[in-house]
Amino acid sequence: MAKKSFAELIKSPGMPVLVDFYADWCGPCKMMNPVVEQLAKDFSGKLKVIKINVDKNQAAAQQYRVQGVPTFMLFKNGQVVWKQAGAVPGHQLNQIIQQNL
């Protein structure tokens, strides 16, 4: 199976896509891992969650002007509807996802 491009991954019809831009060396990114995993479980079937390692996917990070990690972006129909750099409280992420389902 061919690897899907970033553009293909974020165009999930009818389902928002949460993208977590992270790096292996990033402490706050590691702190956010359990939060992101819980959101993926909580919104299973309603939300797609993608983790993008900025060190291995610099083109995607540059395209969306990701300047710090973690950066979270929510896409709906391939368009950015929300973006925030830095660690985000789980309840805030939950609320933003709810508003975009």
PDB file of N, CA and C in Angstrom:
ATOM      1  N   MET A   1       0.834  -1.178   0.000  1.00  0.00           N
ATOM      2  CA  MET A   1       0.000   0.000   0.000  1.00  0.00           C
ATOM      3  C   MET A   1       0.884   1.247   0.000  1.00  0.00           C
ATOM      4  N   ALA A   2       0.600   2.165  -0.904  1.00  0.00           N
ATOM      5  CA  ALA A   2       1.406   3.383  -1.009  1.00  0.00           C
ATOM      6  C   ALA A   2       1.153   4.291   0.195  1.00  0.00           C
ATOM      7  N   LYS A   3       2.195   4.992   0.568  1.00  0.00           N
ATOM      8  CA  LYS A   3       2.073   5.932   1.679  1.00  0.00           C
ATOM      9  C   LYS A   3       1.253   7.134   1.220  1.00  0.00           C
ATOM     10  N   LYS A   4       0.267   7.503   2.014  1.00  0.00           N
ATOM     11  CA  LYS A   4      -0.562   8.650   1.647  1.00  0.00           C
ATOM     12  C   LYS A   4       0.181   9.944   1.930  1.00  0.00           C
ATOM     13  N   SER A   5      -0.071  10.932   1.082  1.00  0.00           N
ATOM     14  CA  SER A   5       0.547  12.235   1.305  1.00  0.00           C
ATOM     15  C   SER A   5      -0.189  12.940   2.438  1.00  0.00           C
ATOM     16  N   PHE A   6       0.442  13.965   2.981  1.00  0.00           N
ATOM     17  CA  PHE A   6      -0.172  14.723   4.062  1.00  0.00           C
ATOM     18  C   PHE A   6      -1.501  15.314   3.586  1.00  0.00           C
ATOM     19  N   ALA A   7      -1.516  15.830   2.372  1.00  0.00           N
ATOM     20  CA  ALA A   7      -2.742  16.428   1.818  1.00  0.00           C
ATOM     21  C   ALA A   7      -3.872  15.402   1.760  1.00  0.00           C
ATOM     22  N   GLU A   8      -3.543  14.156   1.414  1.00  0.00           N
ATOM     23  CA  GLU A   8      -4.567  13.101   1.360  1.00  0.00           C
ATOM     24  C   GLU A   8      -5.067  12.755   2.765  1.00  0.00           C
ATOM     25  N   LEU A   9      -4.156  12.742   3.722  1.00  0.00           N
ATOM     26  CA  LEU A   9      -4.515  12.375   5.092  1.00  0.00           C
ATOM     27  C   LEU A   9      -5.470  13.376   5.744  1.00  0.00           C
ATOM     28  N   ILE A  10      -5.306  14.657   5.429  1.00  0.00           N
ATOM     29  CA  ILE A  10      -6.141  15.669   6.088  1.00  0.00           C
ATOM     30  C   ILE A  10      -7.481  15.872   5.403  1.00  0.00           C
ATOM     31  N   LYS A  11      -7.654  15.300   4.210  1.00  0.00           N
ATOM     32  CA  LYS A  11      -8.939  15.431   3.512  1.00  0.00           C
ATOM     33  C   LYS A  11      -9.792  14.220   3.816  1.00  0.00           C
ATOM     34  N   SER A  12     -10.279  14.172   5.030  1.00  0.00           N
ATOM     35  CA  SER A  12     -11.112  13.066   5.465  1.00  0.00           C
ATOM     36  C   SER A  12     -12.561  13.549   5.394  1.00  0.00           C
ATOM     37  N   PRO A  13     -13.299  13.157   4.350  1.00  0.00           N
ATOM     38  CA  PRO A  13     -14.650  13.700   4.156  1.00  0.00           C
ATOM     39  C   PRO A  13     -15.555  13.451   5.360  1.00  0.00           C
ATOM     40  N   GLY A  14     -16.173  14.525   5.833  1.00  0.00           N
ATOM     41  CA  GLY A  14     -17.133  14.418   6.916  1.00  0.00           C
ATOM     42  C   GLY A  14     -16.542  14.155   8.289  1.00  0.00           C
ATOM     43  N   MET A  15     -15.234  14.062   8.380  1.00  0.00           N
ATOM     44  CA  MET A  15     -14.601  13.771   9.668  1.00  0.00           C
ATOM     45  C   MET A  15     -13.445  14.742   9.893  1.00  0.00           C
ATOM     46  N   PRO A  16     -13.480  15.499  10.996  1.00  0.00           N
ATOM     47  CA  PRO A  16     -12.341  16.388  11.265  1.00  0.00           C
ATOM     48  C   PRO A  16     -11.067  15.581  11.533  1.00  0.00           C
ATOM     49  N   VAL A  17      -9.941  16.214  11.286  1.00  0.00           N
ATOM     50  CA  VAL A  17      -8.640  15.570  11.470  1.00  0.00           C
ATOM     51  C   VAL A  17      -7.795  16.429  12.411  1.00  0.00           C
ATOM     52  N   LEU A  18      -7.406  15.849  13.548  1.00  0.00           N
ATOM     53  CA  LEU A  18      -6.511  16.535  14.481  1.00  0.00           C
ATOM     54  C   LEU A  18      -5.089  16.113  14.150  1.00  0.00           C
ATOM     55  N   VAL A  19      -4.239  17.096  13.878  1.00  0.00           N
ATOM     56  CA  VAL A  19      -2.838  16.811  13.568  1.00  0.00           C
ATOM     57  C   VAL A  19      -1.979  17.314  14.722  1.00  0.00           C
ATOM     58  N   ASP A  20      -1.146  16.426  15.232  1.00  0.00           N
ATOM     59  CA  ASP A  20      -0.217  16.727  16.308  1.00  0.00           C
ATOM     60  C   ASP A  20       1.186  16.763  15.700  1.00  0.00           C
ATOM     61  N   PHE A  21       1.725  17.972  15.505  1.00  0.00           N
ATOM     62  CA  PHE A  21       3.104  18.110  15.035  1.00  0.00           C
ATOM     63  C   PHE A  21       3.998  18.018  16.264  1.00  0.00           C
ATOM     64  N   TYR A  22       4.910  17.052  16.271  1.00  0.00           N
ATOM     65  CA  TYR A  22       5.733  16.816  17.453  1.00  0.00           C
ATOM     66  C   TYR A  22       7.170  16.503  17.054  1.00  0.00           C
ATOM     67  N   ALA A  23       8.031  16.356  18.060  1.00  0.00           N
ATOM     68  CA  ALA A  23       9.407  15.899  17.858  1.00  0.00           C
ATOM     69  C   ALA A  23       9.757  14.961  19.007  1.00  0.00           C
ATOM     70  N   ASP A  24      10.588  13.977  18.723  1.00  0.00           N
ATOM     71  CA  ASP A  24      10.956  12.988  19.740  1.00  0.00           C
ATOM     72  C   ASP A  24      11.685  13.618  20.930  1.00  0.00           C
ATOM     73  N   TRP A  25      12.415  14.709  20.686  1.00  0.00           N
ATOM     74  CA  TRP A  25      13.218  15.351  21.724  1.00  0.00           C
ATOM     75  C   TRP A  25      12.422  16.360  22.557  1.00  0.00           C
ATOM     76  N   CYS A  26      11.150  16.540  22.249  1.00  0.00           N
ATOM     77  CA  CYS A  26      10.328  17.598  22.844  1.00  0.00           C
ATOM     78  C   CYS A  26       9.603  17.116  24.098  1.00  0.00           C
ATOM     79  N   GLY A  27       9.949  17.699  25.255  1.00  0.00           N
ATOM     80  CA  GLY A  27       9.318  17.328  26.523  1.00  0.00           C
ATOM     81  C   GLY A  27       7.813  17.547  26.557  1.00  0.00           C
ATOM     82  N   PRO A  28       7.329  18.757  26.197  1.00  0.00           N
ATOM     83  CA  PRO A  28       5.879  18.992  26.195  1.00  0.00           C
ATOM     84  C   PRO A  28       5.129  18.058  25.240  1.00  0.00           C
ATOM     85  N   CYS A  29       5.793  17.656  24.145  1.00  0.00           N
ATOM     86  CA  CYS A  29       5.162  16.715  23.198  1.00  0.00           C
ATOM     87  C   CYS A  29       4.909  15.378  23.902  1.00  0.00           C
ATOM     88  N   LYS A  30       5.891  14.926  24.681  1.00  0.00           N
ATOM     89  CA  LYS A  30       5.752  13.656  25.400  1.00  0.00           C
ATOM     90  C   LYS A  30       4.638  13.755  26.444  1.00  0.00           C
ATOM     91  N   MET A  31       4.512  14.944  27.077  1.00  0.00           N
ATOM     92  CA  MET A  31       3.445  15.168  28.050  1.00  0.00           C
ATOM     93  C   MET A  31       2.068  15.082  27.391  1.00  0.00           C
ATOM     94  N   MET A  32       1.979  15.514  26.138  1.00  0.00           N
ATOM     95  CA  MET A  32       0.701  15.558  25.422  1.00  0.00           C
ATOM     96  C   MET A  32       0.296  14.204  24.850  1.00  0.00           C
ATOM     97  N   ASN A  33       1.243  13.267  24.733  1.00  0.00           N
ATOM     98  CA  ASN A  33       0.940  11.954  24.136  1.00  0.00           C
ATOM     99  C   ASN A  33      -0.280  11.269  24.744  1.00  0.00           C
ATOM    100  N   PRO A  34      -0.347  11.111  26.085  1.00  0.00           N
ATOM    101  CA  PRO A  34      -1.517  10.432  26.651  1.00  0.00           C
ATOM    102  C   PRO A  34      -2.820  11.191  26.399  1.00  0.00           C
ATOM    103  N   VAL A  35      -2.750  12.523  26.362  1.00  0.00           N
ATOM    104  CA  VAL A  35      -3.939  13.342  26.106  1.00  0.00           C
ATOM    105  C   VAL A  35      -4.447  13.079  24.692  1.00  0.00           C
ATOM    106  N   VAL A  36      -3.527  13.088  23.729  1.00  0.00           N
ATOM    107  CA  VAL A  36      -3.888  12.866  22.326  1.00  0.00           C
ATOM    108  C   VAL A  36      -4.419  11.446  22.138  1.00  0.00           C
ATOM    109  N   GLU A  37      -3.784  10.471  22.783  1.00  0.00           N
ATOM    110  CA  GLU A  37      -4.248   9.076  22.677  1.00  0.00           C
ATOM    111  C   GLU A  37      -5.652   8.927  23.258  1.00  0.00           C
ATOM    112  N   GLN A  38      -5.932   9.610  24.368  1.00  0.00           N
ATOM    113  CA  GLN A  38      -7.262   9.542  24.982  1.00  0.00           C
ATOM    114  C   GLN A  38      -8.310  10.178  24.066  1.00  0.00           C
ATOM    115  N   LEU A  39      -7.968  11.302  23.450  1.00  0.00           N
ATOM    116  CA  LEU A  39      -8.894  11.957  22.519  1.00  0.00           C
ATOM    117  C   LEU A  39      -9.206  11.038  21.339  1.00  0.00           C
ATOM    118  N   ALA A  40      -8.184  10.353  20.843  1.00  0.00           N
ATOM    119  CA  ALA A  40      -8.382   9.427  19.722  1.00  0.00           C
ATOM    120  C   ALA A  40      -9.386   8.339  20.118  1.00  0.00           C
ATOM    121  N   LYS A  41      -9.288   7.861  21.366  1.00  0.00           N
ATOM    122  CA  LYS A  41     -10.233   6.841  21.850  1.00  0.00           C
ATOM    123  C   LYS A  41     -11.621   7.434  22.051  1.00  0.00           C
ATOM    124  N   ASP A  42     -11.679   8.608  22.697  1.00  0.00           N
ATOM    125  CA  ASP A  42     -12.963   9.245  23.008  1.00  0.00           C
ATOM    126  C   ASP A  42     -13.764   9.583  21.749  1.00  0.00           C
ATOM    127  N   PHE A  43     -13.060   9.964  20.691  1.00  0.00           N
ATOM    128  CA  PHE A  43     -13.736  10.386  19.460  1.00  0.00           C
ATOM    129  C   PHE A  43     -13.576   9.358  18.343  1.00  0.00           C
ATOM    130  N   SER A  44     -13.347   8.120  18.713  1.00  0.00           N
ATOM    131  CA  SER A  44     -13.177   7.051  17.727  1.00  0.00           C
ATOM    132  C   SER A  44     -14.375   7.010  16.776  1.00  0.00           C
ATOM    133  N   GLY A  45     -14.100   7.007  15.477  1.00  0.00           N
ATOM    134  CA  GLY A  45     -15.167   6.975  14.485  1.00  0.00           C
ATOM    135  C   GLY A  45     -15.705   8.347  14.129  1.00  0.00           C
ATOM    136  N   LYS A  46     -15.307   9.383  14.895  1.00  0.00           N
ATOM    137  CA  LYS A  46     -15.779  10.747  14.627  1.00  0.00           C
ATOM    138  C   LYS A  46     -14.638  11.697  14.291  1.00  0.00           C
ATOM    139  N   LEU A  47     -13.422  11.279  14.653  1.00  0.00           N
ATOM    140  CA  LEU A  47     -12.243  12.125  14.497  1.00  0.00           C
ATOM    141  C   LEU A  47     -11.067  11.263  14.074  1.00  0.00           C
ATOM    142  N   LYS A  48     -10.281  11.795  13.148  1.00  0.00           N
ATOM    143  CA  LYS A  48      -9.048  11.119  12.755  1.00  0.00           C
ATOM    144  C   LYS A  48      -7.908  11.872  13.441  1.00  0.00           C
ATOM    145  N   VAL A  49      -6.974  11.147  14.038  1.00  0.00           N
ATOM    146  CA  VAL A  49      -5.830  11.768  14.709  1.00  0.00           C
ATOM    147  C   VAL A  49      -4.557  11.335  13.989  1.00  0.00           C
ATOM    148  N   ILE A  50      -3.750  12.319  13.627  1.00  0.00           N
ATOM    149  CA  ILE A  50      -2.495  12.043  12.920  1.00  0.00           C
ATOM    150  C   ILE A  50      -1.364  12.704  13.685  1.00  0.00           C
ATOM    151  N   LYS A  51      -0.283  11.959  13.895  1.00  0.00           N
ATOM    152  CA  LYS A  51       0.904  12.519  14.533  1.00  0.00           C
ATOM    153  C   LYS A  51       1.974  12.692  13.456  1.00  0.00           C
ATOM    154  N   ILE A  52       2.526  13.897  13.378  1.00  0.00           N
ATOM    155  CA  ILE A  52       3.536  14.207  12.370  1.00  0.00           C
ATOM    156  C   ILE A  52       4.835  14.595  13.074  1.00  0.00           C
ATOM    157  N   ASN A  53       5.883  13.802  12.851  1.00  0.00           N
ATOM    158  CA  ASN A  53       7.203  14.104  13.396  1.00  0.00           C
ATOM    159  C   ASN A  53       7.846  15.174  12.515  1.00  0.00           C
ATOM    160  N   VAL A  54       8.043  16.378  13.066  1.00  0.00           N
ATOM    161  CA  VAL A  54       8.548  17.492  12.256  1.00  0.00           C
ATOM    162  C   VAL A  54       9.967  17.250  11.742  1.00  0.00           C
ATOM    163  N   ASP A  55      10.741  16.440  12.441  1.00  0.00           N
ATOM    164  CA  ASP A  55      12.101  16.158  11.988  1.00  0.00           C
ATOM    165  C   ASP A  55      12.105  15.249  10.757  1.00  0.00           C
ATOM    166  N   LYS A  56      11.067  14.428  10.609  1.00  0.00           N
ATOM    167  CA  LYS A  56      10.985  13.497   9.472  1.00  0.00           C
ATOM    168  C   LYS A  56      10.063  14.007   8.376  1.00  0.00           C
ATOM    169  N   ASN A  57       9.253  15.019   8.683  1.00  0.00           N
ATOM    170  CA  ASN A  57       8.290  15.554   7.719  1.00  0.00           C
ATOM    171  C   ASN A  57       8.369  17.076   7.673  1.00  0.00           C
ATOM    172  N   GLN A  58       9.552  17.574   7.340  1.00  0.00           N
ATOM    173  CA  GLN A  58       9.775  19.017   7.367  1.00  0.00           C
ATOM    174  C   GLN A  58       8.915  19.760   6.352  1.00  0.00           C
ATOM    175  N   ALA A  59       8.603  19.142   5.227  1.00  0.00           N
ATOM    176  CA  ALA A  59       7.797  19.808   4.195  1.00  0.00           C
ATOM    177  C   ALA A  59       6.410  20.145   4.722  1.00  0.00           C
ATOM    178  N   ALA A  60       5.764  19.193   5.400  1.00  0.00           N
ATOM    179  CA  ALA A  60       4.423  19.441   5.961  1.00  0.00           C
ATOM    180  C   ALA A  60       4.497  20.521   7.034  1.00  0.00           C
ATOM    181  N   ALA A  61       5.532  20.464   7.873  1.00  0.00           N
ATOM    182  CA  ALA A  61       5.687  21.455   8.937  1.00  0.00           C
ATOM    183  C   ALA A  61       5.884  22.850   8.339  1.00  0.00           C
ATOM    184  N   GLN A  62       6.685  22.951   7.293  1.00  0.00           N
ATOM    185  CA  GLN A  62       6.936  24.251   6.653  1.00  0.00           C
ATOM    186  C   GLN A  62       5.679  24.761   5.944  1.00  0.00           C
ATOM    187  N   GLN A  63       4.968  23.868   5.276  1.00  0.00           N
ATOM    188  CA  GLN A  63       3.767  24.255   4.530  1.00  0.00           C
ATOM    189  C   GLN A  63       2.742  24.931   5.445  1.00  0.00           C
ATOM    190  N   TYR A  64       2.637  24.435   6.687  1.00  0.00           N
ATOM    191  CA  TYR A  64       1.656  24.983   7.627  1.00  0.00           C
ATOM    192  C   TYR A  64       2.293  25.897   8.672  1.00  0.00           C
ATOM    193  N   ARG A  65       3.514  26.340   8.383  1.00  0.00           N
ATOM    194  CA  ARG A  65       4.233  27.304   9.226  1.00  0.00           C
ATOM    195  C   ARG A  65       4.300  26.875  10.697  1.00  0.00           C
ATOM    196  N   VAL A  66       4.629  25.629  10.900  1.00  0.00           N
ATOM    197  CA  VAL A  66       4.806  25.120  12.261  1.00  0.00           C
ATOM    198  C   VAL A  66       6.182  25.577  12.726  1.00  0.00           C
ATOM    199  N   GLN A  67       6.199  26.434  13.742  1.00  0.00           N
ATOM    200  CA  GLN A  67       7.471  26.988  14.199  1.00  0.00           C
ATOM    201  C   GLN A  67       7.912  26.436  15.537  1.00  0.00           C
ATOM    202  N   GLY A  68       7.001  25.819  16.260  1.00  0.00           N
ATOM    203  CA  GLY A  68       7.352  25.219  17.539  1.00  0.00           C
ATOM    204  C   GLY A  68       6.568  23.941  17.723  1.00  0.00           C
ATOM    205  N   VAL A  69       7.067  23.083  18.589  1.00  0.00           N
ATOM    206  CA  VAL A  69       6.351  21.836  18.874  1.00  0.00           C
ATOM    207  C   VAL A  69       6.060  21.767  20.361  1.00  0.00           C
ATOM    208  N   PRO A  70       4.967  21.178  20.764  1.00  0.00           N
ATOM    209  CA  PRO A  70       3.945  20.642  19.862  1.00  0.00           C
ATOM    210  C   PRO A  70       3.106  21.764  19.244  1.00  0.00           C
ATOM    211  N   THR A  71       2.617  21.522  18.047  1.00  0.00           N
ATOM    212  CA  THR A  71       1.615  22.386  17.430  1.00  0.00           C
ATOM    213  C   THR A  71       0.454  21.487  17.045  1.00  0.00           C
ATOM    214  N   PHE A  72      -0.730  21.917  17.414  1.00  0.00           N
ATOM    215  CA  PHE A  72      -1.942  21.157  17.092  1.00  0.00           C
ATOM    216  C   PHE A  72      -2.734  21.919  16.052  1.00  0.00           C
ATOM    217  N   MET A  73      -3.221  21.190  15.057  1.00  0.00           N
ATOM    218  CA  MET A  73      -4.072  21.788  14.025  1.00  0.00           C
ATOM    219  C   MET A  73      -5.276  20.895  13.828  1.00  0.00           C
ATOM    220  N   LEU A  74      -6.418  21.523  13.654  1.00  0.00           N
ATOM    221  CA  LEU A  74      -7.637  20.777  13.373  1.00  0.00           C
ATOM    222  C   LEU A  74      -8.075  21.139  11.959  1.00  0.00           C
ATOM    223  N   PHE A  75      -8.229  20.117  11.133  1.00  0.00           N
ATOM    224  CA  PHE A  75      -8.653  20.302   9.751  1.00  0.00           C
ATOM    225  C   PHE A  75     -10.070  19.785   9.588  1.00  0.00           C
ATOM    226  N   LYS A  76     -10.839  20.485   8.779  1.00  0.00           N
ATOM    227  CA  LYS A  76     -12.175  20.026   8.432  1.00  0.00           C
ATOM    228  C   LYS A  76     -12.301  20.209   6.927  1.00  0.00           C
ATOM    229  N   ASN A  77     -12.591  19.119   6.226  1.00  0.00           N
ATOM    230  CA  ASN A  77     -12.655  19.138   4.758  1.00  0.00           C
ATOM    231  C   ASN A  77     -11.383  19.704   4.137  1.00  0.00           C
ATOM    232  N   GLY A  78     -10.236  19.352   4.734  1.00  0.00           N
ATOM    233  CA  GLY A  78      -8.945  19.767   4.194  1.00  0.00           C
ATOM    234  C   GLY A  78      -8.531  21.189   4.542  1.00  0.00           C
ATOM    235  N   GLN A  79      -9.380  21.920   5.284  1.00  0.00           N
ATOM    236  CA  GLN A  79      -9.082  23.309   5.651  1.00  0.00           C
ATOM    237  C   GLN A  79      -8.752  23.404   7.138  1.00  0.00           C
ATOM    238  N   VAL A  80      -7.805  24.288   7.480  1.00  0.00           N
ATOM    239  CA  VAL A  80      -7.461  24.509   8.888  1.00  0.00           C
ATOM    240  C   VAL A  80      -8.594  25.280   9.552  1.00  0.00           C
ATOM    241  N   VAL A  81      -9.157  24.727  10.618  1.00  0.00           N
ATOM    242  CA  VAL A  81     -10.206  25.437  11.362  1.00  0.00           C
ATOM    243  C   VAL A  81      -9.700  25.904  12.729  1.00  0.00           C
ATOM    244  N   TRP A  82      -8.551  25.364  13.155  1.00  0.00           N
ATOM    245  CA  TRP A  82      -7.980  25.756  14.442  1.00  0.00           C
ATOM    246  C   TRP A  82      -6.513  25.361  14.476  1.00  0.00           C
ATOM    247  N   LYS A  83      -5.693  26.208  15.110  1.00  0.00           N
ATOM    248  CA  LYS A  83      -4.259  25.915  15.235  1.00  0.00           C
ATOM    249  C   LYS A  83      -3.761  26.529  16.529  1.00  0.00           C
ATOM    250  N   GLN A  84      -2.935  25.773  17.244  1.00  0.00           N
ATOM    251  CA  GLN A  84      -2.321  26.314  18.450  1.00  0.00           C
ATOM    252  C   GLN A  84      -0.978  25.644  18.692  1.00  0.00           C
ATOM    253  N   ALA A  85       0.011  26.471  19.033  1.00  0.00           N
ATOM    254  CA  ALA A  85       1.335  25.956  19.378  1.00  0.00           C
ATOM    255  C   ALA A  85       1.415  25.800  20.896  1.00  0.00           C
ATOM    256  N   GLY A  86       2.179  24.811  21.321  1.00  0.00           N
ATOM    257  CA  GLY A  86       2.378  24.579  22.749  1.00  0.00           C
ATOM    258  C   GLY A  86       1.412  23.543  23.287  1.00  0.00           C
ATOM    259  N   ALA A  87       1.661  23.123  24.511  1.00  0.00           N
ATOM    260  CA  ALA A  87       0.802  22.133  25.155  1.00  0.00           C
ATOM    261  C   ALA A  87      -0.583  22.744  25.368  1.00  0.00           C
ATOM    262  N   VAL A  88      -1.610  21.959  25.115  1.00  0.00           N
ATOM    263  CA  VAL A  88      -2.997  22.411  25.242  1.00  0.00           C
ATOM    264  C   VAL A  88      -3.696  21.493  26.240  1.00  0.00           C
ATOM    265  N   PRO A  89      -4.397  22.059  27.241  1.00  0.00           N
ATOM    266  CA  PRO A  89      -5.114  21.198  28.185  1.00  0.00           C
ATOM    267  C   PRO A  89      -6.103  20.290  27.459  1.00  0.00           C
ATOM    268  N   GLY A  90      -6.208  19.059  27.932  1.00  0.00           N
ATOM    269  CA  GLY A  90      -7.090  18.077  27.307  1.00  0.00           C
ATOM    270  C   GLY A  90      -8.520  18.552  27.168  1.00  0.00           C
ATOM    271  N   HIS A  91      -9.051  19.229  28.223  1.00  0.00           N
ATOM    272  CA  HIS A  91     -10.438  19.688  28.161  1.00  0.00           C
ATOM    273  C   HIS A  91     -10.638  20.744  27.075  1.00  0.00           C
ATOM    274  N   GLN A  92      -9.590  21.552  26.828  1.00  0.00           N
ATOM    275  CA  GLN A  92      -9.682  22.575  25.775  1.00  0.00           C
ATOM    276  C   GLN A  92      -9.693  21.916  24.394  1.00  0.00           C
ATOM    277  N   LEU A  93      -8.820  20.940  24.197  1.00  0.00           N
ATOM    278  CA  LEU A  93      -8.799  20.202  22.921  1.00  0.00           C
ATOM    279  C   LEU A  93     -10.147  19.521  22.700  1.00  0.00           C
ATOM    280  N   ASN A  94     -10.658  18.907  23.740  1.00  0.00           N
ATOM    281  CA  ASN A  94     -11.947  18.216  23.686  1.00  0.00           C
ATOM    282  C   ASN A  94     -13.039  19.179  23.225  1.00  0.00           C
ATOM    283  N   GLN A  95     -13.069  20.366  23.812  1.00  0.00           N
ATOM    284  CA  GLN A  95     -14.087  21.370  23.492  1.00  0.00           C
ATOM    285  C   GLN A  95     -13.974  21.811  22.027  1.00  0.00           C
ATOM    286  N   ILE A  96     -12.761  22.040  21.564  1.00  0.00           N
ATOM    287  CA  ILE A  96     -12.539  22.487  20.179  1.00  0.00           C
ATOM    288  C   ILE A  96     -12.984  21.403  19.208  1.00  0.00           C
ATOM    289  N   ILE A  97     -12.680  20.151  19.520  1.00  0.00           N
ATOM    290  CA  ILE A  97     -13.089  19.045  18.656  1.00  0.00           C
ATOM    291  C   ILE A  97     -14.626  18.956  18.633  1.00  0.00           C
ATOM    292  N   GLN A  98     -15.253  19.037  19.805  1.00  0.00           N
ATOM    293  CA  GLN A  98     -16.717  18.976  19.906  1.00  0.00           C
ATOM    294  C   GLN A  98     -17.357  20.030  19.000  1.00  0.00           C
ATOM    295  N   GLN A  99     -16.801  21.237  19.009  1.00  0.00           N
ATOM    296  CA  GLN A  99     -17.361  22.342  18.229  1.00  0.00           C
ATOM    297  C   GLN A  99     -17.236  22.107  16.720  1.00  0.00           C
ATOM    298  N   ASN A 100     -16.349  21.200  16.326  1.00  0.00           N
ATOM    299  CA  ASN A 100     -16.091  21.000  14.893  1.00  0.00           C
ATOM    300  C   ASN A 100     -16.523  19.631  14.386  1.00  0.00           C
ATOM    301  N   LEU A 101     -17.273  18.905  15.177  1.00  0.00           N
ATOM    302  CA  LEU A 101     -17.758  17.590  14.714  1.00  0.00           C
ATOM    303  C   LEU A 101     -18.910  17.769  13.748  1.00  0.00           C
TER     304      LEU A 101
END
